[in-house]
């Protein structure tokens, strides 16, 4: 997203990748296959451990996702990010 001037906010993922492919032979027989992959950015940076966040929204409280629904906080974080450009 950063290469498109986008903001990444939320929770850092654990990363990893798996491609699932569905193929057919003459439209009659279907097969599914999965393979693990190693994802790298355009610059060659490993992103299999999750993308870096611009704003981590996780909390240590009873509901660790409560900030995901706080529109005031989300607006503040986005304003801070885009004002920095």
PDB file of N, CA and C in Angstrom:
ATOM      1  N   UNK A   1       0.803  -1.193   0.000  1.00  0.00           N
ATOM      2  CA  UNK A   1       0.000   0.000   0.000  1.00  0.00           C
ATOM      3  C   UNK A   1       0.847   1.259   0.000  1.00  0.00           C
ATOM      4  N   UNK A   2       2.005   1.191   0.634  1.00  0.00           N
ATOM      5  CA  UNK A   2       2.819   2.391   0.718  1.00  0.00           C
ATOM      6  C   UNK A   2       3.250   2.896  -0.655  1.00  0.00           C
ATOM      7  N   UNK A   3       3.456   1.986  -1.577  1.00  0.00           N
ATOM      8  CA  UNK A   3       3.854   2.432  -2.916  1.00  0.00           C
ATOM      9  C   UNK A   3       2.720   3.151  -3.635  1.00  0.00           C
ATOM     10  N   UNK A   4       1.503   3.057  -3.077  1.00  0.00           N
ATOM     11  CA  UNK A   4       0.343   3.753  -3.646  1.00  0.00           C
ATOM     12  C   UNK A   4      -0.119   4.873  -2.732  1.00  0.00           C
ATOM     13  N   UNK A   5       0.752   5.306  -1.821  1.00  0.00           N
ATOM     14  CA  UNK A   5       0.451   6.364  -0.851  1.00  0.00           C
ATOM     15  C   UNK A   5      -0.747   6.023   0.021  1.00  0.00           C
ATOM     16  N   UNK A   6      -0.925   4.753   0.311  1.00  0.00           N
ATOM     17  CA  UNK A   6      -2.010   4.318   1.177  1.00  0.00           C
ATOM     18  C   UNK A   6      -1.531   4.116   2.591  1.00  0.00           C
ATOM     19  N   UNK A   7      -2.465   4.066   3.493  1.00  0.00           N
ATOM     20  CA  UNK A   7      -2.172   3.879   4.906  1.00  0.00           C
ATOM     21  C   UNK A   7      -2.574   2.468   5.324  1.00  0.00           C
ATOM     22  N   UNK A   8      -1.754   1.850   6.167  1.00  0.00           N
ATOM     23  CA  UNK A   8      -2.064   0.530   6.697  1.00  0.00           C
ATOM     24  C   UNK A   8      -2.260   0.691   8.197  1.00  0.00           C
ATOM     25  N   UNK A   9      -3.480   0.365   8.662  1.00  0.00           N
ATOM     26  CA  UNK A   9      -3.750   0.466  10.072  1.00  0.00           C
ATOM     27  C   UNK A   9      -4.539  -0.742  10.533  1.00  0.00           C
ATOM     28  N   UNK A  10      -4.407  -1.076  11.802  1.00  0.00           N
ATOM     29  CA  UNK A  10      -5.127  -2.223  12.323  1.00  0.00           C
ATOM     30  C   UNK A  10      -4.259  -3.079  13.206  1.00  0.00           C
ATOM     31  N   UNK A  11      -4.095  -4.332  12.808  1.00  0.00           N
ATOM     32  CA  UNK A  11      -3.322  -5.314  13.561  1.00  0.00           C
ATOM     33  C   UNK A  11      -2.303  -5.945  12.617  1.00  0.00           C
ATOM     34  N   UNK A  12      -1.077  -6.029  13.067  1.00  0.00           N
ATOM     35  CA  UNK A  12      -0.057  -6.658  12.222  1.00  0.00           C
ATOM     36  C   UNK A  12      -0.357  -8.145  12.094  1.00  0.00           C
ATOM     37  N   UNK A  13      -0.384  -8.615  10.864  1.00  0.00           N
ATOM     38  CA  UNK A  13      -0.660 -10.033  10.630  1.00  0.00           C
ATOM     39  C   UNK A  13       0.591 -10.847  10.904  1.00  0.00           C
ATOM     40  N   UNK A  14       0.405 -12.149  10.994  1.00  0.00           N
ATOM     41  CA  UNK A  14       1.558 -13.020  11.209  1.00  0.00           C
ATOM     42  C   UNK A  14       2.251 -13.339   9.893  1.00  0.00           C
ATOM     43  N   UNK A  15       1.678 -12.878   8.787  1.00  0.00           N
ATOM     44  CA  UNK A  15       2.302 -13.066   7.488  1.00  0.00           C
ATOM     45  C   UNK A  15       2.121 -14.463   6.948  1.00  0.00           C
ATOM     46  N   UNK A  16       2.960 -14.808   6.037  1.00  0.00           N
ATOM     47  CA  UNK A  16       2.863 -16.109   5.379  1.00  0.00           C
ATOM     48  C   UNK A  16       1.961 -16.022   4.167  1.00  0.00           C
ATOM     49  N   UNK A  17       2.104 -16.936   3.279  1.00  0.00           N
ATOM     50  CA  UNK A  17       1.293 -16.908   2.067  1.00  0.00           C
ATOM     51  C   UNK A  17       1.028 -18.322   1.589  1.00  0.00           C
ATOM     52  N   UNK A  18      -0.089 -18.491   0.971  1.00  0.00           N
ATOM     53  CA  UNK A  18      -0.428 -19.768   0.378  1.00  0.00           C
ATOM     54  C   UNK A  18      -1.300 -19.496  -0.836  1.00  0.00           C
ATOM     55  N   UNK A  19      -0.914 -20.000  -1.957  1.00  0.00           N
ATOM     56  CA  UNK A  19      -1.694 -19.810  -3.173  1.00  0.00           C
ATOM     57  C   UNK A  19      -2.546 -21.047  -3.412  1.00  0.00           C
ATOM     58  N   UNK A  20      -3.828 -20.837  -3.658  1.00  0.00           N
ATOM     59  CA  UNK A  20      -4.723 -21.946  -3.977  1.00  0.00           C
ATOM     60  C   UNK A  20      -5.159 -21.773  -5.426  1.00  0.00           C
ATOM     61  N   UNK A  21      -4.957 -22.799  -6.207  1.00  0.00           N
ATOM     62  CA  UNK A  21      -5.256 -22.736  -7.638  1.00  0.00           C
ATOM     63  C   UNK A  21      -6.333 -23.762  -7.985  1.00  0.00           C
ATOM     64  N   UNK A  22      -7.278 -23.335  -8.794  1.00  0.00           N
ATOM     65  CA  UNK A  22      -8.295 -24.251  -9.309  1.00  0.00           C
ATOM     66  C   UNK A  22      -8.074 -24.324 -10.811  1.00  0.00           C
ATOM     67  N   UNK A  23      -7.894 -25.512 -11.312  1.00  0.00           N
ATOM     68  CA  UNK A  23      -7.650 -25.703 -12.745  1.00  0.00           C
ATOM     69  C   UNK A  23      -8.610 -26.743 -13.298  1.00  0.00           C
ATOM     70  N   UNK A  24      -8.739 -26.725 -14.599  1.00  0.00           N
ATOM     71  CA  UNK A  24      -9.595 -27.738 -15.232  1.00  0.00           C
ATOM     72  C   UNK A  24      -8.938 -28.230 -16.504  1.00  0.00           C
ATOM     73  N   UNK A  25      -9.331 -29.417 -16.892  1.00  0.00           N
ATOM     74  CA  UNK A  25      -8.852 -30.005 -18.146  1.00  0.00           C
ATOM     75  C   UNK A  25     -10.042 -30.044 -19.106  1.00  0.00           C
ATOM     76  N   UNK A  26     -10.007 -29.213 -20.097  1.00  0.00           N
ATOM     77  CA  UNK A  26     -11.072 -29.137 -21.105  1.00  0.00           C
ATOM     78  C   UNK A  26     -12.426 -28.835 -20.475  1.00  0.00           C
ATOM     79  N   UNK A  27     -12.409 -28.168 -19.303  1.00  0.00           N
ATOM     80  CA  UNK A  27     -13.643 -27.792 -18.653  1.00  0.00           C
ATOM     81  C   UNK A  27     -14.416 -28.944 -18.048  1.00  0.00           C
ATOM     82  N   UNK A  28     -13.804 -30.118 -17.972  1.00  0.00           N
ATOM     83  CA  UNK A  28     -14.515 -31.292 -17.465  1.00  0.00           C
ATOM     84  C   UNK A  28     -14.055 -31.653 -16.058  1.00  0.00           C
ATOM     85  N   UNK A  29     -12.773 -31.768 -15.888  1.00  0.00           N
ATOM     86  CA  UNK A  29     -12.226 -32.215 -14.604  1.00  0.00           C
ATOM     87  C   UNK A  29     -11.605 -31.025 -13.887  1.00  0.00           C
ATOM     88  N   UNK A  30     -11.906 -30.871 -12.597  1.00  0.00           N
ATOM     89  CA  UNK A  30     -11.360 -29.766 -11.818  1.00  0.00           C
ATOM     90  C   UNK A  30     -10.397 -30.301 -10.782  1.00  0.00           C
ATOM     91  N   UNK A  31      -9.365 -29.544 -10.531  1.00  0.00           N
ATOM     92  CA  UNK A  31      -8.393 -29.930  -9.504  1.00  0.00           C
ATOM     93  C   UNK A  31      -8.018 -28.693  -8.699  1.00  0.00           C
ATOM     94  N   UNK A  32      -7.869 -28.855  -7.408  1.00  0.00           N
ATOM     95  CA  UNK A  32      -7.407 -27.776  -6.531  1.00  0.00           C
ATOM     96  C   UNK A  32      -6.022 -28.149  -6.033  1.00  0.00           C
ATOM     97  N   UNK A  33      -5.150 -27.190  -5.989  1.00  0.00           N
ATOM     98  CA  UNK A  33      -3.825 -27.441  -5.437  1.00  0.00           C
ATOM     99  C   UNK A  33      -3.410 -26.225  -4.623  1.00  0.00           C
ATOM    100  N   UNK A  34      -2.609 -26.453  -3.622  1.00  0.00           N
ATOM    101  CA  UNK A  34      -2.118 -25.374  -2.774  1.00  0.00           C
ATOM    102  C   UNK A  34      -0.609 -25.496  -2.664  1.00  0.00           C
ATOM    103  N   UNK A  35       0.037 -24.358  -2.590  1.00  0.00           N
ATOM    104  CA  UNK A  35       1.487 -24.336  -2.450  1.00  0.00           C
ATOM    105  C   UNK A  35       1.872 -23.150  -1.594  1.00  0.00           C
ATOM    106  N   UNK A  36       2.800 -23.345  -0.699  1.00  0.00           N
ATOM    107  CA  UNK A  36       3.265 -22.211   0.091  1.00  0.00           C
ATOM    108  C   UNK A  36       4.176 -21.365  -0.773  1.00  0.00           C
ATOM    109  N   UNK A  37       4.184 -20.096  -0.490  1.00  0.00           N
ATOM    110  CA  UNK A  37       4.969 -19.139  -1.280  1.00  0.00           C
ATOM    111  C   UNK A  37       5.702 -18.207  -0.345  1.00  0.00           C
ATOM    112  N   UNK A  38       6.731 -17.595  -0.859  1.00  0.00           N
ATOM    113  CA  UNK A  38       7.470 -16.579  -0.129  1.00  0.00           C
ATOM    114  C   UNK A  38       7.196 -15.259  -0.834  1.00  0.00           C
ATOM    115  N   UNK A  39       6.560 -14.335  -0.138  1.00  0.00           N
ATOM    116  CA  UNK A  39       6.173 -13.059  -0.731  1.00  0.00           C
ATOM    117  C   UNK A  39       7.219 -12.005  -0.401  1.00  0.00           C
ATOM    118  N   UNK A  40       7.658 -11.267  -1.397  1.00  0.00           N
ATOM    119  CA  UNK A  40       8.589 -10.163  -1.199  1.00  0.00           C
ATOM    120  C   UNK A  40       8.024  -8.919  -1.875  1.00  0.00           C
ATOM    121  N   UNK A  41       8.421  -7.757  -1.360  1.00  0.00           N
ATOM    122  CA  UNK A  41       7.985  -6.495  -1.951  1.00  0.00           C
ATOM    123  C   UNK A  41       8.782  -6.238  -3.227  1.00  0.00           C
ATOM    124  N   UNK A  42       8.432  -5.177  -3.923  1.00  0.00           N
ATOM    125  CA  UNK A  42       9.126  -4.814  -5.161  1.00  0.00           C
ATOM    126  C   UNK A  42      10.620  -4.596  -4.925  1.00  0.00           C
ATOM    127  N   UNK A  43      10.974  -4.105  -3.718  1.00  0.00           N
ATOM    128  CA  UNK A  43      12.385  -3.858  -3.395  1.00  0.00           C
ATOM    129  C   UNK A  43      13.091  -5.107  -2.876  1.00  0.00           C
ATOM    130  N   UNK A  44      12.361  -6.233  -2.773  1.00  0.00           N
ATOM    131  CA  UNK A  44      12.957  -7.477  -2.310  1.00  0.00           C
ATOM    132  C   UNK A  44      12.818  -7.713  -0.821  1.00  0.00           C
ATOM    133  N   UNK A  45      12.082  -6.846  -0.123  1.00  0.00           N
ATOM    134  CA  UNK A  45      11.887  -6.989   1.320  1.00  0.00           C
ATOM    135  C   UNK A  45      10.914  -8.123   1.623  1.00  0.00           C
ATOM    136  N   UNK A  46      11.265  -8.965   2.567  1.00  0.00           N
ATOM    137  CA  UNK A  46      10.417 -10.072   2.987  1.00  0.00           C
ATOM    138  C   UNK A  46       9.177  -9.512   3.689  1.00  0.00           C
ATOM    139  N   UNK A  47       7.990  -9.883   3.232  1.00  0.00           N
ATOM    140  CA  UNK A  47       6.755  -9.446   3.884  1.00  0.00           C
ATOM    141  C   UNK A  47       5.987 -10.634   4.452  1.00  0.00           C
ATOM    142  N   UNK A  48       6.645 -11.757   4.609  1.00  0.00           N
ATOM    143  CA  UNK A  48       5.987 -12.938   5.162  1.00  0.00           C
ATOM    144  C   UNK A  48       5.749 -12.841   6.663  1.00  0.00           C
ATOM    145  N   UNK A  49       6.188 -11.781   7.291  1.00  0.00           N
ATOM    146  CA  UNK A  49       5.932 -11.589   8.710  1.00  0.00           C
ATOM    147  C   UNK A  49       4.940 -10.463   8.918  1.00  0.00           C
ATOM    148  N   UNK A  50       4.140 -10.172   7.906  1.00  0.00           N
ATOM    149  CA  UNK A  50       3.139  -9.118   7.996  1.00  0.00           C
ATOM    150  C   UNK A  50       3.689  -7.792   7.522  1.00  0.00           C
ATOM    151  N   UNK A  51       2.821  -6.963   7.039  1.00  0.00           N
ATOM    152  CA  UNK A  51       3.208  -5.634   6.565  1.00  0.00           C
ATOM    153  C   UNK A  51       3.393  -4.692   7.741  1.00  0.00           C
ATOM    154  N   UNK A  52       4.324  -3.761   7.625  1.00  0.00           N
ATOM    155  CA  UNK A  52       4.479  -2.781   8.698  1.00  0.00           C
ATOM    156  C   UNK A  52       3.237  -1.885   8.762  1.00  0.00           C
ATOM    157  N   UNK A  53       2.846  -1.537   9.964  1.00  0.00           N
ATOM    158  CA  UNK A  53       1.655  -0.709  10.168  1.00  0.00           C
ATOM    159  C   UNK A  53       2.019   0.755  10.311  1.00  0.00           C
ATOM    160  N   UNK A  54       1.126   1.597   9.870  1.00  0.00           N
ATOM    161  CA  UNK A  54       1.261   3.027  10.118  1.00  0.00           C
ATOM    162  C   UNK A  54       0.577   3.389  11.435  1.00  0.00           C
ATOM    163  N   UNK A  55      -0.424   2.623  11.825  1.00  0.00           N
ATOM    164  CA  UNK A  55      -1.116   2.840  13.096  1.00  0.00           C
ATOM    165  C   UNK A  55      -1.604   1.495  13.619  1.00  0.00           C
ATOM    166  N   UNK A  56      -1.054   1.073  14.746  1.00  0.00           N
ATOM    167  CA  UNK A  56      -1.486  -0.164  15.391  1.00  0.00           C
ATOM    168  C   UNK A  56      -2.696   0.170  16.252  1.00  0.00           C
ATOM    169  N   UNK A  57      -3.808  -0.472  16.015  1.00  0.00           N
ATOM    170  CA  UNK A  57      -5.046  -0.163  16.729  1.00  0.00           C
ATOM    171  C   UNK A  57      -5.358  -1.134  17.866  1.00  0.00           C
ATOM    172  N   UNK A  58      -4.533  -2.133  18.070  1.00  0.00           N
ATOM    173  CA  UNK A  58      -4.810  -3.134  19.100  1.00  0.00           C
ATOM    174  C   UNK A  58      -4.670  -2.529  20.499  1.00  0.00           C
ATOM    175  N   UNK A  59      -5.496  -3.032  21.445  1.00  0.00           N
ATOM    176  CA  UNK A  59      -5.408  -2.605  22.834  1.00  0.00           C
ATOM    177  C   UNK A  59      -5.185  -3.837  23.719  1.00  0.00           C
ATOM    178  N   UNK A  60      -4.836  -3.583  24.961  1.00  0.00           N
ATOM    179  CA  UNK A  60      -4.644  -4.665  25.931  1.00  0.00           C
ATOM    180  C   UNK A  60      -5.887  -4.889  26.778  1.00  0.00           C
ATOM    181  N   UNK A  61      -6.954  -4.178  26.491  1.00  0.00           N
ATOM    182  CA  UNK A  61      -8.161  -4.262  27.306  1.00  0.00           C
ATOM    183  C   UNK A  61      -8.953  -5.532  27.090  1.00  0.00           C
ATOM    184  N   UNK A  62     -10.163  -5.520  27.616  1.00  0.00           N
ATOM    185  CA  UNK A  62     -11.047  -6.683  27.513  1.00  0.00           C
ATOM    186  C   UNK A  62     -11.370  -7.015  26.065  1.00  0.00           C
ATOM    187  N   UNK A  63     -11.563  -5.984  25.261  1.00  0.00           N
ATOM    188  CA  UNK A  63     -11.803  -6.169  23.824  1.00  0.00           C
ATOM    189  C   UNK A  63     -10.624  -5.556  23.067  1.00  0.00           C
ATOM    190  N   UNK A  64      -9.647  -6.352  22.639  1.00  0.00           N
ATOM    191  CA  UNK A  64      -8.459  -5.799  21.988  1.00  0.00           C
ATOM    192  C   UNK A  64      -8.748  -5.108  20.653  1.00  0.00           C
ATOM    193  N   UNK A  65      -9.963  -5.282  20.119  1.00  0.00           N
ATOM    194  CA  UNK A  65     -10.316  -4.687  18.835  1.00  0.00           C
ATOM    195  C   UNK A  65     -11.206  -3.458  18.962  1.00  0.00           C
ATOM    196  N   UNK A  66     -11.398  -2.946  20.180  1.00  0.00           N
ATOM    197  CA  UNK A  66     -12.322  -1.835  20.376  1.00  0.00           C
ATOM    198  C   UNK A  66     -11.935  -0.592  19.571  1.00  0.00           C
ATOM    199  N   UNK A  67     -10.655  -0.344  19.346  1.00  0.00           N
ATOM    200  CA  UNK A  67     -10.235   0.835  18.582  1.00  0.00           C
ATOM    201  C   UNK A  67     -10.615   0.752  17.108  1.00  0.00           C
ATOM    202  N   UNK A  68     -10.914  -0.435  16.611  1.00  0.00           N
ATOM    203  CA  UNK A  68     -11.299  -0.603  15.215  1.00  0.00           C
ATOM    204  C   UNK A  68     -12.648   0.062  14.943  1.00  0.00           C
ATOM    205  N   UNK A  69     -13.419   0.315  16.010  1.00  0.00           N
ATOM    206  CA  UNK A  69     -14.757   0.894  15.888  1.00  0.00           C
ATOM    207  C   UNK A  69     -14.823   2.326  16.396  1.00  0.00           C
ATOM    208  N   UNK A  70     -13.685   2.870  16.811  1.00  0.00           N
ATOM    209  CA  UNK A  70     -13.623   4.229  17.343  1.00  0.00           C
ATOM    210  C   UNK A  70     -13.370   5.196  16.183  1.00  0.00           C
ATOM    211  N   UNK A  71     -14.449   5.758  15.637  1.00  0.00           N
ATOM    212  CA  UNK A  71     -14.335   6.610  14.452  1.00  0.00           C
ATOM    213  C   UNK A  71     -13.514   7.868  14.715  1.00  0.00           C
ATOM    214  N   UNK A  72     -13.566   8.396  15.930  1.00  0.00           N
ATOM    215  CA  UNK A  72     -12.770   9.573  16.271  1.00  0.00           C
ATOM    216  C   UNK A  72     -11.283   9.232  16.223  1.00  0.00           C
ATOM    217  N   UNK A  73     -10.910   8.097  16.816  1.00  0.00           N
ATOM    218  CA  UNK A  73      -9.510   7.669  16.804  1.00  0.00           C
ATOM    219  C   UNK A  73      -9.043   7.370  15.375  1.00  0.00           C
ATOM    220  N   UNK A  74      -9.866   6.665  14.606  1.00  0.00           N
ATOM    221  CA  UNK A  74      -9.504   6.352  13.214  1.00  0.00           C
ATOM    222  C   UNK A  74      -9.274   7.625  12.414  1.00  0.00           C
ATOM    223  N   UNK A  75     -10.153   8.592  12.586  1.00  0.00           N
ATOM    224  CA  UNK A  75     -10.018   9.873  11.886  1.00  0.00           C
ATOM    225  C   UNK A  75      -8.733  10.577  12.296  1.00  0.00           C
ATOM    226  N   UNK A  76      -8.435  10.569  13.598  1.00  0.00           N
ATOM    227  CA  UNK A  76      -7.213  11.193  14.102  1.00  0.00           C
ATOM    228  C   UNK A  76      -5.973  10.546  13.492  1.00  0.00           C
ATOM    229  N   UNK A  77      -5.928   9.203  13.498  1.00  0.00           N
ATOM    230  CA  UNK A  77      -4.773   8.486  12.953  1.00  0.00           C
ATOM    231  C   UNK A  77      -4.590   8.777  11.467  1.00  0.00           C
ATOM    232  N   UNK A  78      -5.695   8.812  10.719  1.00  0.00           N
ATOM    233  CA  UNK A  78      -5.595   9.095   9.282  1.00  0.00           C
ATOM    234  C   UNK A  78      -5.163  10.536   9.029  1.00  0.00           C
ATOM    235  N   UNK A  79      -5.684  11.472   9.816  1.00  0.00           N
ATOM    236  CA  UNK A  79      -5.276  12.869   9.661  1.00  0.00           C
ATOM    237  C   UNK A  79      -3.795  13.047   9.941  1.00  0.00           C
ATOM    238  N   UNK A  80      -3.295  12.373  10.990  1.00  0.00           N
ATOM    239  CA  UNK A  80      -1.865  12.443  11.318  1.00  0.00           C
ATOM    240  C   UNK A  80      -1.022  11.860  10.184  1.00  0.00           C
ATOM    241  N   UNK A  81      -1.446  10.737   9.640  1.00  0.00           N
ATOM    242  CA  UNK A  81      -0.680  10.072   8.580  1.00  0.00           C
ATOM    243  C   UNK A  81      -0.629  10.940   7.320  1.00  0.00           C
ATOM    244  N   UNK A  82      -1.766  11.414   6.879  1.00  0.00           N
ATOM    245  CA  UNK A  82      -1.805  12.149   5.616  1.00  0.00           C
ATOM    246  C   UNK A  82      -1.295  13.573   5.752  1.00  0.00           C
ATOM    247  N   UNK A  83      -1.270  14.122   6.966  1.00  0.00           N
ATOM    248  CA  UNK A  83      -0.692  15.455   7.182  1.00  0.00           C
ATOM    249  C   UNK A  83       0.829  15.409   7.116  1.00  0.00           C
ATOM    250  N   UNK A  84       1.402  14.242   7.382  1.00  0.00           N
ATOM    251  CA  UNK A  84       2.858  14.077   7.370  1.00  0.00           C
ATOM    252  C   UNK A  84       3.434  14.090   5.958  1.00  0.00           C
ATOM    253  N   UNK A  85       2.597  13.851   4.948  1.00  0.00           N
ATOM    254  CA  UNK A  85       3.102  13.793   3.563  1.00  0.00           C
ATOM    255  C   UNK A  85       3.440  15.144   3.004  1.00  0.00           C
TER     256      UNK A  85
END
